């Protein structure tokens, strides 16, 4: 039996890197309104662990879900796209 979980992977824009080894990532997603059917934009901010402090404000990064690092941080930066 394989014990590996498939973790969610999201991409978003770094909005803050003021914390040590932590970045705030804004993830935008487009969803269909349940009643009216119009496509609307939803966004959410996640705190992600950045071990090397390599991410800068404005970077597009891939983050993946992982074990909790702290009370608010349970995502990890996988790759800096641009």
PDB file of N, CA and C in Angstrom:
ATOM      1  N   UNK A   1       0.850  -1.197   0.000  1.00  0.00           N
ATOM      2  CA  UNK A   1       0.000   0.000   0.000  1.00  0.00           C
ATOM      3  C   UNK A   1       0.883   1.242   0.000  1.00  0.00           C
ATOM      4  N   UNK A   2       0.543   2.193  -0.819  1.00  0.00           N
ATOM      5  CA  UNK A   2       1.321   3.422  -0.932  1.00  0.00           C
ATOM      6  C   UNK A   2       0.835   4.439   0.093  1.00  0.00           C
ATOM      7  N   UNK A   3       1.734   4.920   0.953  1.00  0.00           N
ATOM      8  CA  UNK A   3       1.353   5.864   2.004  1.00  0.00           C
ATOM      9  C   UNK A   3       1.494   7.316   1.578  1.00  0.00           C
ATOM     10  N   UNK A   4       1.892   7.564   0.321  1.00  0.00           N
ATOM     11  CA  UNK A   4       2.065   8.924  -0.148  1.00  0.00           C
ATOM     12  C   UNK A   4       0.719   9.574  -0.434  1.00  0.00           C
ATOM     13  N   UNK A   5       0.526  10.778   0.120  1.00  0.00           N
ATOM     14  CA  UNK A   5      -0.695  11.524  -0.165  1.00  0.00           C
ATOM     15  C   UNK A   5      -0.467  12.428  -1.362  1.00  0.00           C
ATOM     16  N   UNK A   6      -1.508  12.645  -2.148  1.00  0.00           N
ATOM     17  CA  UNK A   6      -1.425  13.625  -3.219  1.00  0.00           C
ATOM     18  C   UNK A   6      -1.741  14.993  -2.624  1.00  0.00           C
ATOM     19  N   UNK A   7      -0.754  15.867  -2.595  1.00  0.00           N
ATOM     20  CA  UNK A   7      -0.939  17.186  -2.006  1.00  0.00           C
ATOM     21  C   UNK A   7      -1.443  18.168  -3.045  1.00  0.00           C
ATOM     22  N   UNK A   8      -2.265  19.117  -2.585  1.00  0.00           N
ATOM     23  CA  UNK A   8      -2.756  20.153  -3.484  1.00  0.00           C
ATOM     24  C   UNK A   8      -1.605  21.074  -3.869  1.00  0.00           C
ATOM     25  N   UNK A   9      -1.573  21.483  -5.129  1.00  0.00           N
ATOM     26  CA  UNK A   9      -0.560  22.420  -5.617  1.00  0.00           C
ATOM     27  C   UNK A   9      -1.286  23.616  -6.216  1.00  0.00           C
ATOM     28  N   UNK A  10      -0.917  24.809  -5.773  1.00  0.00           N
ATOM     29  CA  UNK A  10      -1.525  26.047  -6.253  1.00  0.00           C
ATOM     30  C   UNK A  10      -0.426  26.981  -6.739  1.00  0.00           C
ATOM     31  N   UNK A  11      -0.791  27.927  -7.589  1.00  0.00           N
ATOM     32  CA  UNK A  11       0.168  28.955  -7.987  1.00  0.00           C
ATOM     33  C   UNK A  11      -0.412  30.317  -7.637  1.00  0.00           C
ATOM     34  N   UNK A  12       0.464  31.208  -7.237  1.00  0.00           N
ATOM     35  CA  UNK A  12       0.003  32.535  -6.845  1.00  0.00           C
ATOM     36  C   UNK A  12       1.153  33.525  -6.828  1.00  0.00           C
ATOM     37  N   UNK A  13       0.813  34.754  -6.454  1.00  0.00           N
ATOM     38  CA  UNK A  13       1.765  35.864  -6.465  1.00  0.00           C
ATOM     39  C   UNK A  13       2.189  36.187  -5.036  1.00  0.00           C
ATOM     40  N   UNK A  14       3.486  36.375  -4.824  1.00  0.00           N
ATOM     41  CA  UNK A  14       4.003  36.723  -3.504  1.00  0.00           C
ATOM     42  C   UNK A  14       3.659  38.177  -3.213  1.00  0.00           C
ATOM     43  N   UNK A  15       2.951  38.402  -2.086  1.00  0.00           N
ATOM     44  CA  UNK A  15       2.564  39.766  -1.719  1.00  0.00           C
ATOM     45  C   UNK A  15       3.376  40.293  -0.546  1.00  0.00           C
ATOM     46  N   UNK A  16       4.026  39.402   0.222  1.00  0.00           N
ATOM     47  CA  UNK A  16       4.838  39.851   1.354  1.00  0.00           C
ATOM     48  C   UNK A  16       5.925  38.821   1.624  1.00  0.00           C
ATOM     49  N   UNK A  17       7.142  39.318   1.912  1.00  0.00           N
ATOM     50  CA  UNK A  17       8.229  38.426   2.311  1.00  0.00           C
ATOM     51  C   UNK A  17       8.963  38.988   3.520  1.00  0.00           C
ATOM     52  N   UNK A  18       8.263  39.748   4.344  1.00  0.00           N
ATOM     53  CA  UNK A  18       8.876  40.411   5.486  1.00  0.00           C
ATOM     54  C   UNK A  18       9.222  39.445   6.622  1.00  0.00           C
ATOM     55  N   UNK A  19       8.519  38.299   6.693  1.00  0.00           N
ATOM     56  CA  UNK A  19       8.783  37.329   7.756  1.00  0.00           C
ATOM     57  C   UNK A  19       9.983  36.465   7.393  1.00  0.00           C
ATOM     58  N   UNK A  20      10.604  35.859   8.400  1.00  0.00           N
ATOM     59  CA  UNK A  20      11.744  34.984   8.168  1.00  0.00           C
ATOM     60  C   UNK A  20      11.265  33.607   7.736  1.00  0.00           C
ATOM     61  N   UNK A  21      11.723  33.141   6.562  1.00  0.00           N
ATOM     62  CA  UNK A  21      11.372  31.834   5.994  1.00  0.00           C
ATOM     63  C   UNK A  21       9.882  31.667   5.732  1.00  0.00           C
ATOM     64  N   UNK A  22       9.165  32.777   5.572  1.00  0.00           N
ATOM     65  CA  UNK A  22       7.729  32.722   5.288  1.00  0.00           C
ATOM     66  C   UNK A  22       7.376  33.778   4.255  1.00  0.00           C
ATOM     67  N   UNK A  23       6.513  33.403   3.309  1.00  0.00           N
ATOM     68  CA  UNK A  23       5.988  34.365   2.348  1.00  0.00           C
ATOM     69  C   UNK A  23       4.469  34.291   2.364  1.00  0.00           C
ATOM     70  N   UNK A  24       3.821  35.394   2.023  1.00  0.00           N
ATOM     71  CA  UNK A  24       2.377  35.424   1.859  1.00  0.00           C
ATOM     72  C   UNK A  24       2.091  35.363   0.367  1.00  0.00           C
ATOM     73  N   UNK A  25       1.254  34.393  -0.022  1.00  0.00           N
ATOM     74  CA  UNK A  25       0.978  34.160  -1.442  1.00  0.00           C
ATOM     75  C   UNK A  25      -0.507  34.393  -1.699  1.00  0.00           C
ATOM     76  N   UNK A  26      -0.817  35.253  -2.677  1.00  0.00           N
ATOM     77  CA  UNK A  26      -2.194  35.528  -3.070  1.00  0.00           C
ATOM     78  C   UNK A  26      -2.556  34.620  -4.234  1.00  0.00           C
ATOM     79  N   UNK A  27      -3.567  33.763  -4.024  1.00  0.00           N
ATOM     80  CA  UNK A  27      -4.003  32.810  -5.042  1.00  0.00           C
ATOM     81  C   UNK A  27      -5.362  33.259  -5.568  1.00  0.00           C
ATOM     82  N   UNK A  28      -5.434  33.541  -6.877  1.00  0.00           N
ATOM     83  CA  UNK A  28      -6.691  33.913  -7.527  1.00  0.00           C
ATOM     84  C   UNK A  28      -7.274  32.693  -8.207  1.00  0.00           C
ATOM     85  N   UNK A  29      -8.592  32.540  -8.113  1.00  0.00           N
ATOM     86  CA  UNK A  29      -9.256  31.469  -8.851  1.00  0.00           C
ATOM     87  C   UNK A  29     -10.557  32.012  -9.412  1.00  0.00           C
ATOM     88  N   UNK A  30     -10.982  31.448 -10.531  1.00  0.00           N
ATOM     89  CA  UNK A  30     -12.205  31.895 -11.185  1.00  0.00           C
ATOM     90  C   UNK A  30     -13.246  30.802 -11.045  1.00  0.00           C
ATOM     91  N   UNK A  31     -14.396  31.164 -10.499  1.00  0.00           N
ATOM     92  CA  UNK A  31     -15.468  30.193 -10.263  1.00  0.00           C
ATOM     93  C   UNK A  31     -16.760  30.693 -10.882  1.00  0.00           C
ATOM     94  N   UNK A  32     -17.652  29.764 -11.145  1.00  0.00           N
ATOM     95  CA  UNK A  32     -18.956  30.100 -11.689  1.00  0.00           C
ATOM     96  C   UNK A  32     -19.908  30.378 -10.538  1.00  0.00           C
ATOM     97  N   UNK A  33     -20.660  31.469 -10.613  1.00  0.00           N
ATOM     98  CA  UNK A  33     -21.630  31.801  -9.577  1.00  0.00           C
ATOM     99  C   UNK A  33     -22.702  30.697  -9.541  1.00  0.00           C
ATOM    100  N   UNK A  34     -23.055  30.195  -8.331  1.00  0.00           N
ATOM    101  CA  UNK A  34     -23.969  29.055  -8.259  1.00  0.00           C
ATOM    102  C   UNK A  34     -25.369  29.316  -8.827  1.00  0.00           C
ATOM    103  N   UNK A  35     -25.865  30.544  -8.706  1.00  0.00           N
ATOM    104  CA  UNK A  35     -27.218  30.843  -9.187  1.00  0.00           C
ATOM    105  C   UNK A  35     -27.213  31.492 -10.571  1.00  0.00           C
ATOM    106  N   UNK A  36     -26.371  32.504 -10.755  1.00  0.00           N
ATOM    107  CA  UNK A  36     -26.436  33.307 -11.975  1.00  0.00           C
ATOM    108  C   UNK A  36     -25.513  32.822 -13.085  1.00  0.00           C
ATOM    109  N   UNK A  37     -24.541  31.969 -12.777  1.00  0.00           N
ATOM    110  CA  UNK A  37     -23.698  31.400 -13.816  1.00  0.00           C
ATOM    111  C   UNK A  37     -22.564  32.285 -14.305  1.00  0.00           C
ATOM    112  N   UNK A  38     -22.467  33.515 -13.802  1.00  0.00           N
ATOM    113  CA  UNK A  38     -21.395  34.411 -14.228  1.00  0.00           C
ATOM    114  C   UNK A  38     -20.066  33.952 -13.612  1.00  0.00           C
ATOM    115  N   UNK A  39     -18.991  34.078 -14.372  1.00  0.00           N
ATOM    116  CA  UNK A  39     -17.668  33.739 -13.873  1.00  0.00           C
ATOM    117  C   UNK A  39     -17.183  34.888 -13.002  1.00  0.00           C
ATOM    118  N   UNK A  40     -16.853  34.580 -11.736  1.00  0.00           N
ATOM    119  CA  UNK A  40     -16.371  35.609 -10.812  1.00  0.00           C
ATOM    120  C   UNK A  40     -15.010  35.209 -10.260  1.00  0.00           C
ATOM    121  N   UNK A  41     -14.275  36.205  -9.812  1.00  0.00           N
ATOM    122  CA  UNK A  41     -12.917  35.982  -9.328  1.00  0.00           C
ATOM    123  C   UNK A  41     -12.913  35.920  -7.813  1.00  0.00           C
ATOM    124  N   UNK A  42     -12.319  34.879  -7.250  1.00  0.00           N
ATOM    125  CA  UNK A  42     -12.155  34.727  -5.810  1.00  0.00           C
ATOM    126  C   UNK A  42     -10.667  34.676  -5.513  1.00  0.00           C
ATOM    127  N   UNK A  43     -10.254  35.255  -4.391  1.00  0.00           N
ATOM    128  CA  UNK A  43      -8.844  35.211  -4.027  1.00  0.00           C
ATOM    129  C   UNK A  43      -8.697  34.897  -2.547  1.00  0.00           C
ATOM    130  N   UNK A  44      -7.555  34.291  -2.205  1.00  0.00           N
ATOM    131  CA  UNK A  44      -7.264  33.941  -0.825  1.00  0.00           C
ATOM    132  C   UNK A  44      -5.761  34.021  -0.621  1.00  0.00           C
ATOM    133  N   UNK A  45      -5.346  34.408   0.596  1.00  0.00           N
ATOM    134  CA  UNK A  45      -3.930  34.501   0.921  1.00  0.00           C
ATOM    135  C   UNK A  45      -3.520  33.301   1.766  1.00  0.00           C
ATOM    136  N   UNK A  46      -2.363  32.742   1.445  1.00  0.00           N
ATOM    137  CA  UNK A  46      -1.801  31.622   2.195  1.00  0.00           C
ATOM    138  C   UNK A  46      -0.409  32.000   2.681  1.00  0.00           C
ATOM    139  N   UNK A  47      -0.049  31.545   3.886  1.00  0.00           N
ATOM    140  CA  UNK A  47       1.324  31.657   4.358  1.00  0.00           C
ATOM    141  C   UNK A  47       2.054  30.391   3.932  1.00  0.00           C
ATOM    142  N   UNK A  48       3.212  30.550   3.289  1.00  0.00           N
ATOM    143  CA  UNK A  48       3.961  29.409   2.784  1.00  0.00           C
ATOM    144  C   UNK A  48       5.393  29.451   3.297  1.00  0.00           C
ATOM    145  N   UNK A  49       5.942  28.270   3.561  1.00  0.00           N
ATOM    146  CA  UNK A  49       7.306  28.137   4.071  1.00  0.00           C
ATOM    147  C   UNK A  49       8.298  28.265   2.913  1.00  0.00           C
ATOM    148  N   UNK A  50       9.249  29.187   3.056  1.00  0.00           N
ATOM    149  CA  UNK A  50      10.290  29.410   2.052  1.00  0.00           C
ATOM    150  C   UNK A  50      11.635  29.268   2.748  1.00  0.00           C
ATOM    151  N   UNK A  51      12.204  28.082   2.689  1.00  0.00           N
ATOM    152  CA  UNK A  51      13.395  27.750   3.490  1.00  0.00           C
ATOM    153  C   UNK A  51      14.571  28.671   3.215  1.00  0.00           C
ATOM    154  N   UNK A  52      14.785  29.062   1.960  1.00  0.00           N
ATOM    155  CA  UNK A  52      15.977  29.836   1.604  1.00  0.00           C
ATOM    156  C   UNK A  52      15.719  31.337   1.504  1.00  0.00           C
ATOM    157  N   UNK A  53      14.510  31.785   1.791  1.00  0.00           N
ATOM    158  CA  UNK A  53      14.144  33.205   1.646  1.00  0.00           C
ATOM    159  C   UNK A  53      14.437  33.718   0.238  1.00  0.00           C
ATOM    160  N   UNK A  54      14.190  32.885  -0.770  1.00  0.00           N
ATOM    161  CA  UNK A  54      14.532  33.247  -2.155  1.00  0.00           C
ATOM    162  C   UNK A  54      13.433  34.053  -2.839  1.00  0.00           C
ATOM    163  N   UNK A  55      12.187  33.941  -2.386  1.00  0.00           N
ATOM    164  CA  UNK A  55      11.063  34.610  -3.055  1.00  0.00           C
ATOM    165  C   UNK A  55      11.058  36.094  -2.753  1.00  0.00           C
ATOM    166  N   UNK A  56      10.713  36.873  -3.776  1.00  0.00           N
ATOM    167  CA  UNK A  56      10.600  38.320  -3.612  1.00  0.00           C
ATOM    168  C   UNK A  56       9.176  38.750  -3.950  1.00  0.00           C
ATOM    169  N   UNK A  57       8.799  39.942  -3.535  1.00  0.00           N
ATOM    170  CA  UNK A  57       7.458  40.462  -3.799  1.00  0.00           C
ATOM    171  C   UNK A  57       7.252  40.557  -5.306  1.00  0.00           C
ATOM    172  N   UNK A  58       6.119  40.030  -5.780  1.00  0.00           N
ATOM    173  CA  UNK A  58       5.809  40.054  -7.200  1.00  0.00           C
ATOM    174  C   UNK A  58       6.128  38.763  -7.926  1.00  0.00           C
ATOM    175  N   UNK A  59       6.878  37.855  -7.295  1.00  0.00           N
ATOM    176  CA  UNK A  59       7.198  36.572  -7.918  1.00  0.00           C
ATOM    177  C   UNK A  59       5.949  35.707  -8.027  1.00  0.00           C
ATOM    178  N   UNK A  60       5.881  34.909  -9.079  1.00  0.00           N
ATOM    179  CA  UNK A  60       4.838  33.888  -9.212  1.00  0.00           C
ATOM    180  C   UNK A  60       5.454  32.577  -8.725  1.00  0.00           C
ATOM    181  N   UNK A  61       4.813  31.931  -7.738  1.00  0.00           N
ATOM    182  CA  UNK A  61       5.375  30.726  -7.139  1.00  0.00           C
ATOM    183  C   UNK A  61       4.362  29.590  -7.145  1.00  0.00           C
ATOM    184  N   UNK A  62       4.886  28.355  -7.108  1.00  0.00           N
ATOM    185  CA  UNK A  62       4.067  27.167  -6.895  1.00  0.00           C
ATOM    186  C   UNK A  62       4.170  26.798  -5.426  1.00  0.00           C
ATOM    187  N   UNK A  63       3.016  26.565  -4.774  1.00  0.00           N
ATOM    188  CA  UNK A  63       3.030  26.136  -3.377  1.00  0.00           C
ATOM    189  C   UNK A  63       2.286  24.815  -3.268  1.00  0.00           C
ATOM    190  N   UNK A  64       2.733  23.967  -2.337  1.00  0.00           N
ATOM    191  CA  UNK A  64       2.054  22.697  -2.130  1.00  0.00           C
ATOM    192  C   UNK A  64       1.698  22.544  -0.661  1.00  0.00           C
ATOM    193  N   UNK A  65       0.597  21.845  -0.421  1.00  0.00           N
ATOM    194  CA  UNK A  65       0.126  21.602   0.935  1.00  0.00           C
ATOM    195  C   UNK A  65       1.065  20.621   1.621  1.00  0.00           C
ATOM    196  N   UNK A  66       1.321  20.839   2.919  1.00  0.00           N
ATOM    197  CA  UNK A  66       2.219  19.959   3.658  1.00  0.00           C
ATOM    198  C   UNK A  66       1.807  19.952   5.126  1.00  0.00           C
ATOM    199  N   UNK A  67       2.624  19.335   5.954  1.00  0.00           N
ATOM    200  CA  UNK A  67       2.314  19.304   7.382  1.00  0.00           C
ATOM    201  C   UNK A  67       2.374  20.727   7.939  1.00  0.00           C
ATOM    202  N   UNK A  68       1.677  21.017   9.036  1.00  0.00           N
ATOM    203  CA  UNK A  68       1.719  22.369   9.594  1.00  0.00           C
ATOM    204  C   UNK A  68       3.108  22.730  10.131  1.00  0.00           C
ATOM    205  N   UNK A  69       3.619  23.895   9.715  1.00  0.00           N
ATOM    206  CA  UNK A  69       4.859  24.422  10.264  1.00  0.00           C
ATOM    207  C   UNK A  69       4.571  25.293  11.483  1.00  0.00           C
ATOM    208  N   UNK A  70       3.392  25.918  11.506  1.00  0.00           N
ATOM    209  CA  UNK A  70       2.993  26.770  12.620  1.00  0.00           C
ATOM    210  C   UNK A  70       1.473  26.858  12.616  1.00  0.00           C
ATOM    211  N   UNK A  71       0.935  27.772  13.410  1.00  0.00           N
ATOM    212  CA  UNK A  71      -0.519  27.916  13.512  1.00  0.00           C
ATOM    213  C   UNK A  71      -1.158  28.266  12.173  1.00  0.00           C
ATOM    214  N   UNK A  72      -0.505  29.128  11.401  1.00  0.00           N
ATOM    215  CA  UNK A  72      -1.108  29.598  10.145  1.00  0.00           C
ATOM    216  C   UNK A  72      -0.418  29.059   8.896  1.00  0.00           C
ATOM    217  N   UNK A  73       0.697  28.345   9.055  1.00  0.00           N
ATOM    218  CA  UNK A  73       1.522  27.989   7.899  1.00  0.00           C
ATOM    219  C   UNK A  73       1.519  26.483   7.663  1.00  0.00           C
ATOM    220  N   UNK A  74       0.798  26.054   6.609  1.00  0.00           N
ATOM    221  CA  UNK A  74       0.809  24.635   6.251  1.00  0.00           C
ATOM    222  C   UNK A  74       0.976  24.446   4.740  1.00  0.00           C
ATOM    223  N   UNK A  75       1.702  25.367   4.118  1.00  0.00           N
ATOM    224  CA  UNK A  75       2.044  25.281   2.695  1.00  0.00           C
ATOM    225  C   UNK A  75       3.535  25.491   2.552  1.00  0.00           C
ATOM    226  N   UNK A  76       4.114  24.957   1.460  1.00  0.00           N
ATOM    227  CA  UNK A  76       5.548  25.045   1.214  1.00  0.00           C
ATOM    228  C   UNK A  76       5.767  25.542  -0.211  1.00  0.00           C
ATOM    229  N   UNK A  77       6.727  26.448  -0.399  1.00  0.00           N
ATOM    230  CA  UNK A  77       7.076  26.924  -1.737  1.00  0.00           C
ATOM    231  C   UNK A  77       7.851  25.826  -2.453  1.00  0.00           C
ATOM    232  N   UNK A  78       7.343  25.404  -3.611  1.00  0.00           N
ATOM    233  CA  UNK A  78       7.985  24.327  -4.378  1.00  0.00           C
ATOM    234  C   UNK A  78       8.934  24.913  -5.405  1.00  0.00           C
ATOM    235  N   UNK A  79       8.455  25.923  -6.156  1.00  0.00           N
ATOM    236  CA  UNK A  79       9.243  26.448  -7.266  1.00  0.00           C
ATOM    237  C   UNK A  79       8.872  27.905  -7.506  1.00  0.00           C
ATOM    238  N   UNK A  80       9.864  28.701  -7.865  1.00  0.00           N
ATOM    239  CA  UNK A  80       9.623  30.089  -8.256  1.00  0.00           C
ATOM    240  C   UNK A  80       9.530  30.097  -9.775  1.00  0.00           C
ATOM    241  N   UNK A  81       8.344  30.458 -10.290  1.00  0.00           N
ATOM    242  CA  UNK A  81       8.113  30.411 -11.736  1.00  0.00           C
ATOM    243  C   UNK A  81       8.661  31.636 -12.447  1.00  0.00           C
ATOM    244  N   UNK A  82       8.447  32.823 -11.875  1.00  0.00           N
ATOM    245  CA  UNK A  82       8.970  34.036 -12.511  1.00  0.00           C
ATOM    246  C   UNK A  82       9.091  35.148 -11.505  1.00  0.00           C
TER     247      UNK A  82
END
